[in-house]
Each structure stands twice: as structure tokens, then as C-alpha cells.
Amino acid sequence: MEQFNFDIRLIFAILNGKVSAAINRKLSRNFRQNGLEITPEQWTVLIFLWEKDGVTQQELCNATFKDKPSMTRLIDNMERQHLVVRISDKKDRRTNLIHLTRDGKELEERARGIANRTLMEALQGVSAEELRIGQDVLKKVFFNTRD
């Protein structure tokens, strides 16, 4: 293996979620400043449901890399905010399907706009080529370390 010259603290800071945490803070602030009372975690669930409504909690766990107890809390909070509703699966009464409410559906356009602006702010000064390389590198790290 070739020898790399790198700052191990910086590499671990990036790979341990410092960038993700900073983007989530900015996204959260941008949602609040624009009158949306949703969190970045709720945003990841909403994105999935906007694409495919009426899914199991396990599907949401798989899509968002969250464990079941975390997802249960997240869905509980989203139900209290009238963003989603649990409905028993007609084929299997033990399973609930998570559906968007009208309020959850109506958030989509505004939330996507805010998230896109946040991403553009985060990527300011990053070229398309740098972004592609960064994606490729992080994808390799992810696949090398997943369970």
C-alpha cells in the first residue's frame, strides 16, 4: 500500500461526522428561519416518503440508517406534528405502514427548496469535479467499513 501524507485528526473529524453535523445545524437553522418546524432527521424520512408513501418502519430504518427505537421516536414526533400517520397493513395487522398526511405532503416544495439552498451554500467554491471525486472517495470508505 502506498504511503499517504495526511492529518489524521482532520481525516477522522471528517469521517466521524463533523461535516454532516455542520450541514445538519445549518439545515435546521434554515428550516426554522423559514418557518418550518422540522429537523434534519425528519427531513430524511420525509424525502423517502415523498418518493414512496405508505412504507413500513423497517423500510424507513434501512433507507435512513437509523435503528428501530430511534425511528419509533422520530415517527412518534412526526405524528404529533401531523406530518405522518400509522395505518395498519391490511395484509399483516402486526405491521403499520407510515403514510404522509396532507400537512406532510404540503411541506415538500418549501422544504426541498430550503434544503437545496442549504446544499448550495455548503458546496460554495466546490467544483463539479471535486464533488465527484469526494463522492467517489466517501463511497469507497463507506463500502470498506460497512458491516
C-alpha atoms as a PDB file:
ATOM      1  CA  MET A   1       0.000   0.000   0.000  1.00  0.00           C
ATOM      2  CA  GLU A   2       1.336   3.418  -0.887  1.00  0.00           C
ATOM      3  CA  GLN A   3       2.176   5.815   1.941  1.00  0.00           C
ATOM      4  CA  PHE A   4      -0.195   8.744   2.444  1.00  0.00           C
ATOM      5  CA  ASN A   5       0.761  12.047   3.974  1.00  0.00           C
ATOM      6  CA  PHE A   6      -2.316  13.287   5.831  1.00  0.00           C
ATOM      7  CA  ASP A   7      -3.532  14.909   9.016  1.00  0.00           C
ATOM      8  CA  ILE A   8      -5.121  12.019  10.912  1.00  0.00           C
ATOM      9  CA  ARG A   9      -7.165  14.375  13.155  1.00  0.00           C
ATOM     10  CA  LEU A  10      -8.665  16.074  10.106  1.00  0.00           C
ATOM     11  CA  ILE A  11      -9.445  12.774   8.368  1.00  0.00           C
ATOM     12  CA  PHE A  12     -11.183  11.394  11.465  1.00  0.00           C
ATOM     13  CA  ALA A  13     -13.050  14.643  12.032  1.00  0.00           C
ATOM     14  CA  ILE A  14     -14.438  14.451   8.501  1.00  0.00           C
ATOM     15  CA  LEU A  15     -15.193  10.738   8.631  1.00  0.00           C
ATOM     16  CA  ASN A  16     -16.710  10.902  12.120  1.00  0.00           C
ATOM     17  CA  GLY A  17     -19.433  13.246  11.017  1.00  0.00           C
ATOM     18  CA  LYS A  18     -18.161  16.779  11.640  1.00  0.00           C
ATOM     19  CA  VAL A  19     -19.183  17.831   8.134  1.00  0.00           C
ATOM     20  CA  SER A  20     -22.534  16.096   8.457  1.00  0.00           C
ATOM     21  CA  ALA A  21     -23.178  17.735  11.841  1.00  0.00           C
ATOM     22  CA  ALA A  22     -22.297  21.180  10.466  1.00  0.00           C
ATOM     23  CA  ILE A  23     -24.621  20.756   7.472  1.00  0.00           C
ATOM     24  CA  ASN A  24     -27.403  19.472   9.745  1.00  0.00           C
ATOM     25  CA  ARG A  25     -27.029  22.526  12.028  1.00  0.00           C
ATOM     26  CA  LYS A  26     -27.237  24.829   9.014  1.00  0.00           C
ATOM     27  CA  LEU A  27     -30.209  22.939   7.561  1.00  0.00           C
ATOM     28  CA  SER A  28     -32.004  23.031  10.903  1.00  0.00           C
ATOM     29  CA  ARG A  29     -31.394  26.780  11.218  1.00  0.00           C
ATOM     30  CA  ASN A  30     -32.567  27.381   7.638  1.00  0.00           C
ATOM     31  CA  PHE A  31     -35.761  25.366   8.213  1.00  0.00           C
ATOM     32  CA  ARG A  32     -36.525  27.332  11.420  1.00  0.00           C
ATOM     33  CA  GLN A  33     -35.770  30.713   9.830  1.00  0.00           C
ATOM     34  CA  ASN A  34     -38.226  29.855   7.065  1.00  0.00           C
ATOM     35  CA  GLY A  35     -40.986  28.782   9.455  1.00  0.00           C
ATOM     36  CA  LEU A  36     -40.621  25.014   9.054  1.00  0.00           C
ATOM     37  CA  GLU A  37     -40.580  23.137  12.345  1.00  0.00           C
ATOM     38  CA  ILE A  38     -38.834  20.005  11.089  1.00  0.00           C
ATOM     39  CA  THR A  39     -35.454  18.531  11.948  1.00  0.00           C
ATOM     40  CA  PRO A  40     -32.827  17.188   9.545  1.00  0.00           C
ATOM     41  CA  GLU A  41     -33.721  13.666  10.774  1.00  0.00           C
ATOM     42  CA  GLN A  42     -37.379  14.254   9.938  1.00  0.00           C
ATOM     43  CA  TRP A  43     -36.277  15.647   6.574  1.00  0.00           C
ATOM     44  CA  THR A  44     -34.576  12.323   5.701  1.00  0.00           C
ATOM     45  CA  VAL A  45     -37.831  10.457   6.455  1.00  0.00           C
ATOM     46  CA  LEU A  46     -39.934  12.968   4.523  1.00  0.00           C
ATOM     47  CA  ILE A  47     -37.704  12.733   1.436  1.00  0.00           C
ATOM     48  CA  PHE A  48     -38.205   8.970   1.374  1.00  0.00           C
ATOM     49  CA  LEU A  49     -41.980   9.228   1.913  1.00  0.00           C
ATOM     50  CA  TRP A  50     -42.365  11.871  -0.801  1.00  0.00           C
ATOM     51  CA  GLU A  51     -40.859   9.355  -3.204  1.00  0.00           C
ATOM     52  CA  LYS A  52     -42.689   6.290  -1.817  1.00  0.00           C
ATOM     53  CA  ASP A  53     -45.574   6.805   0.592  1.00  0.00           C
ATOM     54  CA  GLY A  54     -47.011   4.021   2.729  1.00  0.00           C
ATOM     55  CA  VAL A  55     -43.915   2.089   3.766  1.00  0.00           C
ATOM     56  CA  THR A  56     -43.006   0.036   6.810  1.00  0.00           C
ATOM     57  CA  GLN A  57     -40.955   1.397   9.653  1.00  0.00           C
ATOM     58  CA  GLN A  58     -38.228  -1.111   8.741  1.00  0.00           C
ATOM     59  CA  GLU A  59     -38.028   0.312   5.204  1.00  0.00           C
ATOM     60  CA  LEU A  60     -37.537   3.763   6.714  1.00  0.00           C
ATOM     61  CA  CYS A  61     -34.832   2.399   9.049  1.00  0.00           C
ATOM     62  CA  ASN A  62     -32.992   0.859   6.101  1.00  0.00           C
ATOM     63  CA  ALA A  63     -33.283   3.991   3.973  1.00  0.00           C
ATOM     64  CA  THR A  64     -32.095   6.385   6.693  1.00  0.00           C
ATOM     65  CA  PHE A  65     -29.552   4.135   8.502  1.00  0.00           C
ATOM     66  CA  LYS A  66     -31.449   4.547  11.784  1.00  0.00           C
ATOM     67  CA  ASP A  67     -32.207   1.843  14.341  1.00  0.00           C
ATOM     68  CA  LYS A  68     -35.790   0.875  15.244  1.00  0.00           C
ATOM     69  CA  PRO A  69     -36.019   2.715  18.597  1.00  0.00           C
ATOM     70  CA  SER A  70     -34.738   5.950  17.001  1.00  0.00           C
ATOM     71  CA  MET A  71     -37.177   5.588  14.117  1.00  0.00           C
ATOM     72  CA  THR A  72     -40.066   4.921  16.514  1.00  0.00           C
ATOM     73  CA  ARG A  73     -39.308   8.173  18.389  1.00  0.00           C
ATOM     74  CA  LEU A  74     -38.962  10.049  15.111  1.00  0.00           C
ATOM     75  CA  ILE A  75     -42.294   8.774  13.784  1.00  0.00           C
ATOM     76  CA  ASP A  76     -43.988   9.451  17.156  1.00  0.00           C
ATOM     77  CA  ASN A  77     -42.842  13.083  16.955  1.00  0.00           C
ATOM     78  CA  MET A  78     -43.867  13.372  13.315  1.00  0.00           C
ATOM     79  CA  GLU A  79     -47.318  12.003  14.187  1.00  0.00           C
ATOM     80  CA  ARG A  80     -47.676  14.633  16.950  1.00  0.00           C
ATOM     81  CA  GLN A  81     -46.823  17.286  14.334  1.00  0.00           C
ATOM     82  CA  HIS A  82     -49.457  15.811  11.979  1.00  0.00           C
ATOM     83  CA  LEU A  83     -46.847  15.069   9.292  1.00  0.00           C
ATOM     84  CA  VAL A  84     -47.384  11.298   9.153  1.00  0.00           C
ATOM     85  CA  VAL A  85     -49.880   8.704  10.317  1.00  0.00           C
ATOM     86  CA  ARG A  86     -49.501   4.985  11.081  1.00  0.00           C
ATOM     87  CA  ILE A  87     -52.070   2.772   9.388  1.00  0.00           C
ATOM     88  CA  SER A  88     -52.318  -0.999   9.909  1.00  0.00           C
ATOM     89  CA  ASP A  89     -51.282  -3.038   6.904  1.00  0.00           C
ATOM     90  CA  LYS A  90     -54.378  -4.813   5.569  1.00  0.00           C
ATOM     91  CA  LYS A  91     -52.252  -7.854   4.647  1.00  0.00           C
ATOM     92  CA  ASP A  92     -50.488  -8.068   8.032  1.00  0.00           C
ATOM     93  CA  ARG A  93     -52.209  -6.399  11.002  1.00  0.00           C
ATOM     94  CA  ARG A  94     -48.970  -6.598  13.044  1.00  0.00           C
ATOM     95  CA  THR A  95     -47.314  -4.152  10.667  1.00  0.00           C
ATOM     96  CA  ASN A  96     -48.016  -0.440  10.421  1.00  0.00           C
ATOM     97  CA  LEU A  97     -47.475   1.470   7.217  1.00  0.00           C
ATOM     98  CA  ILE A  98     -46.282   5.051   7.520  1.00  0.00           C
ATOM     99  CA  HIS A  99     -48.238   7.495   5.370  1.00  0.00           C
ATOM    100  CA  LEU A 100     -47.870  11.219   4.822  1.00  0.00           C
ATOM    101  CA  THR A 101     -50.706  13.451   5.966  1.00  0.00           C
ATOM    102  CA  ARG A 102     -51.872  16.413   3.914  1.00  0.00           C
ATOM    103  CA  ASP A 103     -49.586  18.627   6.051  1.00  0.00           C
ATOM    104  CA  GLY A 104     -46.643  16.308   5.348  1.00  0.00           C
ATOM    105  CA  LYS A 105     -47.318  16.412   1.615  1.00  0.00           C
ATOM    106  CA  GLU A 106     -47.718  20.188   1.565  1.00  0.00           C
ATOM    107  CA  LEU A 107     -44.255  20.694   3.094  1.00  0.00           C
ATOM    108  CA  GLU A 108     -42.458  19.147   0.147  1.00  0.00           C
ATOM    109  CA  GLU A 109     -41.935  22.107  -2.165  1.00  0.00           C
ATOM    110  CA  ARG A 110     -40.827  24.535   0.559  1.00  0.00           C
ATOM    111  CA  ALA A 111     -38.628  22.009   2.357  1.00  0.00           C
ATOM    112  CA  ARG A 112     -36.908  20.878  -0.837  1.00  0.00           C
ATOM    113  CA  GLY A 113     -36.219  24.488  -1.777  1.00  0.00           C
ATOM    114  CA  ILE A 114     -34.670  25.250   1.618  1.00  0.00           C
ATOM    115  CA  ALA A 115     -32.608  22.041   1.564  1.00  0.00           C
ATOM    116  CA  ASN A 116     -31.358  22.763  -1.970  1.00  0.00           C
ATOM    117  CA  ARG A 117     -30.307  26.295  -0.964  1.00  0.00           C
ATOM    118  CA  THR A 118     -28.539  24.878   2.116  1.00  0.00           C
ATOM    119  CA  LEU A 119     -26.670  22.385  -0.028  1.00  0.00           C
ATOM    120  CA  MET A 120     -25.645  25.110  -2.489  1.00  0.00           C
ATOM    121  CA  GLU A 121     -24.312  27.183   0.442  1.00  0.00           C
ATOM    122  CA  ALA A 122     -22.366  24.163   1.724  1.00  0.00           C
ATOM    123  CA  LEU A 123     -20.901  23.435  -1.719  1.00  0.00           C
ATOM    124  CA  GLN A 124     -19.902  27.022  -2.457  1.00  0.00           C
ATOM    125  CA  GLY A 125     -16.452  27.029  -4.077  1.00  0.00           C
ATOM    126  CA  VAL A 126     -16.527  23.264  -4.749  1.00  0.00           C
ATOM    127  CA  SER A 127     -16.258  22.352  -8.430  1.00  0.00           C
ATOM    128  CA  ALA A 128     -18.301  19.594 -10.040  1.00  0.00           C
ATOM    129  CA  GLU A 129     -15.107  17.565 -10.456  1.00  0.00           C
ATOM    130  CA  GLU A 130     -14.140  17.996  -6.777  1.00  0.00           C
ATOM    131  CA  LEU A 131     -17.624  16.937  -5.756  1.00  0.00           C
ATOM    132  CA  ARG A 132     -17.475  13.848  -7.974  1.00  0.00           C
ATOM    133  CA  ILE A 133     -14.077  12.850  -6.553  1.00  0.00           C
ATOM    134  CA  GLY A 134     -15.268  13.467  -2.976  1.00  0.00           C
ATOM    135  CA  GLN A 135     -18.346  11.319  -3.577  1.00  0.00           C
ATOM    136  CA  ASP A 136     -16.243   8.526  -5.050  1.00  0.00           C
ATOM    137  CA  VAL A 137     -13.813   8.586  -2.113  1.00  0.00           C
ATOM    138  CA  LEU A 138     -16.553   8.621   0.544  1.00  0.00           C
ATOM    139  CA  LYS A 139     -18.420   5.828  -1.231  1.00  0.00           C
ATOM    140  CA  LYS A 140     -15.255   3.681  -1.142  1.00  0.00           C
ATOM    141  CA  VAL A 141     -14.702   4.433   2.557  1.00  0.00           C
ATOM    142  CA  PHE A 142     -18.342   3.574   3.258  1.00  0.00           C
ATOM    143  CA  PHE A 143     -18.193   0.239   1.439  1.00  0.00           C
ATOM    144  CA  ASN A 144     -14.829  -0.612   3.052  1.00  0.00           C
ATOM    145  CA  THR A 145     -16.242  -0.093   6.555  1.00  0.00           C
ATOM    146  CA  ARG A 146     -19.849  -1.221   6.422  1.00  0.00           C
ATOM    147  CA  ASP A 147     -20.948  -4.289   8.357  1.00  0.00           C
END
